[in-house]
Protein backbone atom coordinates (compact mmCIF):
# COMPACT_ATOMS: atom_id res chain seq x y z
CA MET A 1 -15.79 -8.69 -8.38
CA ALA A 2 -13.12 -10.14 -5.61
CA LEU A 3 -11.82 -13.39 -6.87
CA SER A 4 -9.58 -15.31 -3.95
CA PHE A 5 -8.15 -18.00 -6.00
CA PHE A 6 -5.74 -19.47 -3.61
CA ARG A 7 -8.25 -19.82 -0.88
CA LYS A 8 -11.65 -18.88 0.46
CA ALA A 9 -11.82 -16.69 3.21
CA SER A 10 -13.65 -19.50 4.86
CA ASP A 11 -11.03 -21.85 4.75
CA GLU A 12 -8.58 -19.46 6.68
CA GLY A 13 -7.02 -20.24 10.23
CA GLY A 14 -7.40 -18.07 12.98
CA GLY A 15 -10.23 -15.94 14.67
CA GLY A 16 -12.05 -19.47 14.93
CA GLY A 17 -12.21 -22.45 17.30
CA SER A 18 -13.94 -23.51 20.31
CA LEU A 19 -16.05 -20.21 22.68
CA ALA A 20 -13.57 -19.21 24.78
CA THR A 21 -14.70 -18.94 28.42
CA SER A 22 -13.55 -15.34 28.87
CA PRO A 23 -13.68 -12.42 26.82
CA ARG A 24 -11.58 -12.08 23.68
CA ARG A 25 -10.66 -8.93 22.06
CA PRO A 26 -12.08 -8.22 18.91
CA VAL A 27 -10.24 -9.65 15.51
CA VAL A 28 -8.23 -6.95 14.32
CA GLY A 29 -7.18 -6.00 10.98
CA ILE A 30 -5.45 -3.56 9.34
CA ALA A 31 -5.80 -2.49 5.50
CA LEU A 32 -2.19 -1.28 4.25
CA GLY A 33 -3.11 1.25 1.22
CA ALA A 34 -0.90 2.10 -2.27
CA GLY A 35 1.39 4.61 -2.16
CA VAL A 36 5.06 3.65 -3.79
CA ALA A 37 7.51 5.28 -2.03
CA ARG A 38 4.96 6.88 0.56
CA GLY A 39 4.14 3.30 1.47
CA TRP A 40 7.63 3.42 3.93
CA ALA A 41 5.05 4.81 6.37
CA HIS A 42 3.24 1.64 7.00
CA ILE A 43 6.47 0.88 9.08
CA GLY A 44 5.92 3.16 11.67
CA VAL A 45 2.49 2.71 11.89
CA LEU A 46 2.79 -1.25 12.72
CA ASN A 47 6.17 -0.36 15.13
CA GLU A 48 4.02 2.02 17.11
CA LEU A 49 0.92 -0.47 17.26
CA GLU A 50 3.25 -3.11 18.09
CA LYS A 51 4.64 -1.02 21.11
CA GLU A 52 1.07 -0.30 22.64
CA GLY A 53 -0.16 -3.68 22.33
CA LEU A 54 -2.24 -3.17 19.63
CA ALA A 55 -0.76 -5.28 16.78
CA PRO A 56 -3.35 -6.05 14.55
CA ASP A 57 -4.71 -9.70 13.69
CA ILE A 58 -4.92 -9.70 9.85
CA VAL A 59 -3.34 -7.85 7.31
CA VAL A 60 -4.07 -7.11 3.96
CA GLY A 61 -1.82 -4.70 1.70
CA CYS A 62 -1.70 -2.99 -2.05
CA SER A 63 1.56 -2.61 -3.78
CA ILE A 64 3.91 -1.31 -1.10
CA GLY A 65 1.48 -2.23 1.48
CA SER A 66 2.05 -5.47 0.45
CA VAL A 67 5.32 -5.61 0.55
CA VAL A 68 5.59 -4.05 4.38
CA GLY A 69 2.23 -5.85 5.23
CA GLY A 70 4.00 -9.23 3.91
CA CYS A 71 7.17 -9.03 5.75
CA TYR A 72 5.56 -8.18 8.66
CA ALA A 73 2.55 -11.04 8.55
CA ALA A 74 6.09 -12.58 8.28
CA GLY A 75 7.85 -11.73 11.35
CA ARG A 76 10.16 -10.08 9.12
CA LEU A 77 9.17 -6.21 9.98
CA VAL A 78 12.72 -5.08 10.49
CA ASP A 79 14.50 -6.93 7.80
CA VAL A 80 12.34 -4.36 5.79
CA GLU A 81 12.59 -1.45 7.87
CA GLN A 82 16.46 -2.05 7.36
CA PHE A 83 16.17 -2.29 3.65
CA ALA A 84 14.67 0.87 3.64
CA ARG A 85 16.34 3.10 6.11
CA SER A 86 19.39 1.83 3.96
CA LEU A 87 18.51 2.87 0.94
CA THR A 88 19.99 6.10 -1.19
CA LYS A 89 19.49 7.49 -4.38
CA ARG A 90 22.02 5.81 -5.81
CA ARG A 91 21.34 2.46 -4.04
CA VAL A 92 17.49 2.89 -5.39
CA PHE A 93 18.69 3.11 -9.30
CA GLY A 94 21.10 0.64 -8.82
CA LEU A 95 18.04 -1.51 -8.30
CA LEU A 96 15.66 -0.76 -10.97
CA ASP A 97 16.93 -3.47 -13.53
CA LEU A 98 15.98 -1.63 -17.02
CA SER A 99 14.39 -3.55 -19.32
CA PHE A 100 11.19 -3.02 -22.06
CA ALA A 101 10.71 -6.38 -22.23
CA GLY A 102 6.76 -7.47 -21.41
CA GLY A 103 5.90 -3.76 -21.89
CA SER A 104 7.35 -2.36 -18.48
CA LEU A 105 10.55 -0.37 -17.96
CA PHE A 106 12.13 -2.94 -15.44
CA GLY A 107 12.10 -6.64 -14.83
CA GLY A 108 11.71 -6.21 -11.01
CA LYS A 109 14.50 -9.00 -10.82
CA ARG A 110 16.98 -7.18 -8.26
CA LEU A 111 13.55 -6.06 -6.13
CA GLU A 112 12.91 -9.94 -6.11
CA ASN A 113 15.87 -11.09 -5.14
CA ARG A 114 16.06 -8.86 -2.19
CA LEU A 115 12.23 -10.21 -1.08
CA VAL A 116 13.50 -13.64 -1.46
CA GLU A 117 16.56 -12.81 0.69
CA SER A 118 13.91 -11.87 3.76
CA VAL A 119 10.73 -14.16 3.24
CA GLY A 120 12.01 -16.46 0.47
CA GLY A 121 10.33 -19.55 0.86
CA MET A 122 7.35 -19.22 2.52
CA ARG A 123 3.72 -19.12 2.03
CA VAL A 124 1.09 -16.86 2.49
CA GLU A 125 -1.30 -19.54 4.11
CA ASN A 126 1.47 -20.54 6.64
CA LEU A 127 2.80 -17.09 7.60
CA PRO A 128 2.15 -16.61 11.97
CA LYS A 129 -0.16 -13.41 10.80
CA LYS A 130 -3.27 -14.05 8.40
CA PHE A 131 -1.83 -12.11 5.20
CA ALA A 132 -3.37 -11.03 1.67
CA ALA A 133 -2.07 -9.15 -1.16
CA VAL A 134 -4.19 -7.31 -3.17
CA ALA A 135 -3.84 -7.44 -7.59
CA THR A 136 -5.71 -6.79 -10.49
CA GLU A 137 -6.11 -9.62 -13.17
CA VAL A 138 -4.92 -8.12 -16.70
CA GLY A 139 -7.63 -8.08 -19.37
CA THR A 140 -10.53 -8.39 -16.89
CA GLY A 141 -10.30 -6.04 -14.18
CA HIS A 142 -10.72 -8.85 -11.69
CA GLU A 143 -9.61 -8.18 -7.73
CA ILE A 144 -7.74 -11.03 -7.01
CA TRP A 145 -6.92 -11.96 -3.35
CA LEU A 146 -3.71 -13.90 -2.88
CA THR A 147 -4.35 -15.70 0.41
CA ARG A 148 -2.42 -18.80 -0.66
CA GLY A 149 1.13 -19.53 -2.32
CA ASP A 150 4.81 -18.06 -2.70
CA VAL A 151 4.83 -14.72 -0.41
CA VAL A 152 7.28 -13.32 -2.94
CA GLU A 153 5.18 -13.78 -5.61
CA ALA A 154 2.10 -12.25 -4.47
CA ILE A 155 4.02 -9.46 -2.85
CA ARG A 156 5.45 -8.80 -6.31
CA ALA A 157 2.11 -9.11 -8.43
CA SER A 158 0.35 -6.54 -5.92
CA TYR A 159 3.13 -3.92 -6.79
CA ALA A 160 3.37 -4.65 -10.68
CA LEU A 161 2.91 -1.05 -11.12
CA PRO A 162 1.65 -1.41 -15.10
CA GLY A 163 4.66 0.16 -17.37
CA ILE A 164 6.83 0.05 -14.40
CA PHE A 165 7.27 -3.58 -13.43
CA GLU A 166 6.25 -6.48 -15.84
CA PRO A 167 3.08 -8.50 -14.47
CA VAL A 168 3.39 -11.27 -13.15
CA ARG A 169 2.19 -14.72 -13.79
CA ALA A 170 0.44 -16.55 -10.62
CA GLY A 171 -2.65 -19.06 -10.04
CA GLY A 172 -2.74 -19.21 -13.79
CA ARG A 173 -3.48 -15.25 -14.43
CA TRP A 174 -1.68 -12.37 -15.19
CA LEU A 175 -1.49 -9.75 -12.94
CA LEU A 176 -0.84 -6.60 -12.44
CA ASP A 177 -0.87 -4.22 -8.90
CA GLY A 178 -3.66 -3.74 -6.78
CA ALA A 179 -4.15 -0.24 -6.55
CA LEU A 180 -5.97 -0.25 -9.84
CA VAL A 181 -9.19 -1.78 -8.18
CA ASN A 182 -8.46 -1.46 -4.55
CA PRO A 183 -5.78 0.63 -3.49
CA VAL A 184 -6.80 0.55 0.46
CA PRO A 185 -7.92 -2.73 0.81
CA VAL A 186 -10.40 -2.82 3.70
CA THR A 187 -13.34 -5.08 1.92
CA ALA A 188 -10.73 -8.13 2.11
CA CYS A 189 -10.20 -7.50 5.79
CA ARG A 190 -13.20 -8.08 6.66
CA ALA A 191 -13.95 -11.05 4.63
CA LEU A 192 -11.10 -12.56 5.88
CA GLY A 193 -12.62 -12.01 9.10
CA ALA A 194 -11.62 -8.72 10.88
CA GLU A 195 -14.61 -7.41 13.15
CA MET A 196 -12.08 -4.34 13.70
CA VAL A 197 -10.59 -2.96 10.50
CA ILE A 198 -7.67 -0.32 10.57
CA ALA A 199 -7.09 1.47 7.42
CA VAL A 200 -3.78 3.05 6.56
CA ASN A 201 -4.25 5.55 3.67
CA VAL A 202 -0.46 7.14 3.05
CA ASN A 203 -2.09 9.16 -0.03
CA ALA A 204 -4.12 11.42 2.20
CA ASP A 205 -2.96 14.43 1.34
CA SER A 206 -1.35 14.54 -1.74
CA LEU A 207 -3.72 15.13 -4.49
CA GLY A 208 -6.66 17.18 -2.83
CA ARG A 209 -9.90 16.65 -3.16
CA GLY A 210 -9.62 17.62 -7.39
CA THR A 211 -12.52 19.53 -8.76
CA VAL A 212 -13.24 20.82 -12.37
CA ILE A 213 -11.69 24.05 -14.01
CA GLN A 214 -14.37 25.21 -16.60
CA ASP A 215 -11.06 27.80 -18.18
CA HIS A 216 -8.18 25.94 -18.40
CA VAL A 217 -6.30 29.43 -18.93
CA ARG A 218 -4.78 31.29 -16.06
CA ASN A 219 -4.56 34.63 -15.31
CA ARG A 220 -1.92 36.53 -13.12
CA ALA A 221 -3.88 37.02 -10.50
CA GLN A 222 -4.58 33.03 -10.34
CA GLU A 223 -1.07 32.39 -10.95
CA SER A 224 0.61 34.50 -8.25
CA ASP A 225 -1.97 32.79 -5.94
CA ASP A 226 -1.37 29.80 -6.87
CA ALA A 227 2.60 29.59 -7.21
CA GLU A 228 3.27 28.21 -3.70
CA GLU A 229 0.95 25.44 -4.31
CA ALA A 230 2.34 24.66 -7.75
CA ALA A 231 6.16 25.06 -6.14
CA GLY A 232 5.17 22.24 -3.75
CA GLN A 233 3.48 20.08 -6.79
CA ALA A 234 6.89 20.09 -8.94
CA ALA A 235 8.79 19.32 -5.59
CA ARG A 236 6.75 16.02 -5.39
CA ARG A 237 7.10 15.00 -8.66
CA SER A 238 9.39 12.18 -9.64
CA ARG A 239 12.71 13.68 -11.13
CA PHE A 240 13.52 9.80 -12.80
CA ILE A 241 12.76 11.36 -16.14
CA GLU A 242 12.02 14.82 -17.03
CA GLY A 243 10.55 16.13 -19.92
CA ALA A 244 11.52 19.38 -22.01
CA ALA A 245 10.87 22.71 -21.44
CA GLY A 246 9.55 22.19 -18.01
CA ALA A 247 7.12 19.37 -19.69
CA PRO A 248 6.63 16.53 -17.07
CA GLY A 249 8.94 13.20 -18.12
CA MET A 250 7.22 10.14 -19.23
CA ALA A 251 7.82 8.59 -15.86
CA THR A 252 6.63 11.08 -13.75
CA VAL A 253 3.20 11.07 -16.17
CA MET A 254 2.36 7.42 -16.10
CA ILE A 255 3.03 8.14 -12.07
CA ASP A 256 0.71 11.15 -11.66
CA ALA A 257 -1.91 9.26 -13.87
CA PHE A 258 -1.99 6.21 -12.14
CA ASN A 259 -1.79 8.14 -8.69
CA ILE A 260 -4.77 10.56 -9.95
CA THR A 261 -6.70 7.21 -10.92
CA GLN A 262 -5.85 5.55 -7.38
CA ASP A 263 -6.97 8.02 -5.01
CA ARG A 264 -10.51 8.78 -7.22
CA ILE A 265 -11.15 4.86 -6.30
CA ALA A 266 -9.91 4.75 -3.13
CA ARG A 267 -12.57 7.45 -2.64
CA SER A 268 -15.20 5.54 -3.90
CA ARG A 269 -14.13 2.38 -2.33
CA LEU A 270 -13.68 3.64 1.32
CA ALA A 271 -16.92 5.24 0.89
CA GLY A 272 -19.03 2.28 0.12
CA ASP A 273 -17.17 0.36 2.60
CA PRO A 274 -15.60 2.48 4.99
CA PRO A 275 -13.14 1.44 7.55
CA ASP A 276 -13.82 1.36 11.48
CA LEU A 277 -10.92 3.81 11.98
CA MET A 278 -8.69 5.72 9.00
CA ILE A 279 -4.83 6.51 9.81
CA GLY A 280 -3.77 9.53 6.84
CA VAL A 281 -0.65 9.71 7.22
CA LYS A 282 0.72 13.31 5.71
CA LEU A 283 2.72 12.12 3.36
CA GLY A 284 2.35 14.76 0.24
CA ARG A 285 5.92 16.59 0.34
CA ILE A 286 7.32 13.21 -0.21
CA GLY A 287 7.67 12.45 -3.75
CA LEU A 288 6.40 8.48 -5.55
CA PHE A 289 9.76 8.10 -6.22
CA GLU A 290 11.84 9.02 -3.11
CA PHE A 291 12.06 6.26 -2.08
CA HIS A 292 15.16 7.29 -0.62
CA ARG A 293 13.28 9.23 2.17
CA ALA A 294 12.19 6.20 4.55
CA ASP A 295 13.17 7.73 7.86
CA GLU A 296 10.68 10.76 7.31
CA ALA A 297 7.78 8.09 6.05
CA ILE A 298 8.72 6.13 8.99
CA ALA A 299 8.69 9.18 11.59
CA LEU A 300 5.53 10.16 10.05
CA GLY A 301 3.91 6.84 9.60
CA ARG A 302 4.60 6.31 13.70
CA GLU A 303 3.42 9.76 14.25
CA ALA A 304 0.04 9.07 12.64
CA ALA A 305 -0.38 5.73 14.58
CA ARG A 306 0.43 7.69 17.91
CA ARG A 307 -2.55 10.53 17.52
CA ALA A 308 -4.99 7.55 16.34
CA ILE A 309 -3.79 5.13 19.44
CA PRO A 310 -6.82 6.72 21.87
CA ASP A 311 -9.58 6.45 19.14
CA ILE A 312 -8.31 2.56 18.37
CA ARG A 313 -8.46 2.16 22.31
CA ASP A 314 -12.19 3.75 22.77
CA GLN A 315 -13.36 1.75 19.75
CA LEU A 316 -12.05 -1.65 20.32
CA ALA A 317 -14.06 -0.50 24.10
CA LEU A 318 -17.29 0.30 22.10
CA MET A 319 -17.49 -3.47 20.52
CA PRO A 320 -19.18 -6.41 22.24
CA LYS A 321 -16.44 -9.13 24.15
CA LEU A 322 -17.26 -12.54 22.87
């Protein structure tokens, strides 16, 4: 069950008003999915859509998608792009304020301060574009759509990765990362008034389809066949905390477990409410914590959006003009 405790979708502005005498373009919404560092690709997607005159009217983000989407809706996409491109490995670690308080590794204050520099003092309901961030309520598991209130608070709640960042108190609720319930929030886009929904999945090729291994012991032939795949997976894993004797470290285990869960949830949700058009960005070679690879992720986002432009135009042409 999704709860929009800040404001009902029907109370929102945009897309309403009196009937126009000439046809208008259908209201386009974009659902920016979760994906940790891979989410920088959303910047490239949005830049390409803007360049082609296909800017979305409604933006809904989950986790890193809410960071990029919130800044975009506020007219501050340039700010988040400059920040992302400036990151190095050293700067990334400098932003992580170690703190075991509240059941998390990091307090998140330094990242919050950077958000405040860009969108501090803004309110979701007053942004130039209609925006919502998706979060998960602690304890109940309710899907929460943050459509009103402080922008920084909404974004922080949406990316509060369990065990990594502290939960955020908003609207009398404790909230966690929205990827736990709706990693690619197509449903929220439709509820906010989108007549055509473009979804951006930045984890489309990161895990494959998943299968059942009936015999967990590998023989030598299997090991040889899987050597290349295993090497690729190892390269993608976070090197934030290493385990002993080649075992994955704590951060790797937490993020991979979360990513697997997110992938399965996304497949289920998208099957139940598919978007009108899906942009799948191939980012499997970028590790979840490799925030310093923004240039590459943004370029891959632009490339994926560029390939989708003809389909977007065709879809718009087929929709009834109102």
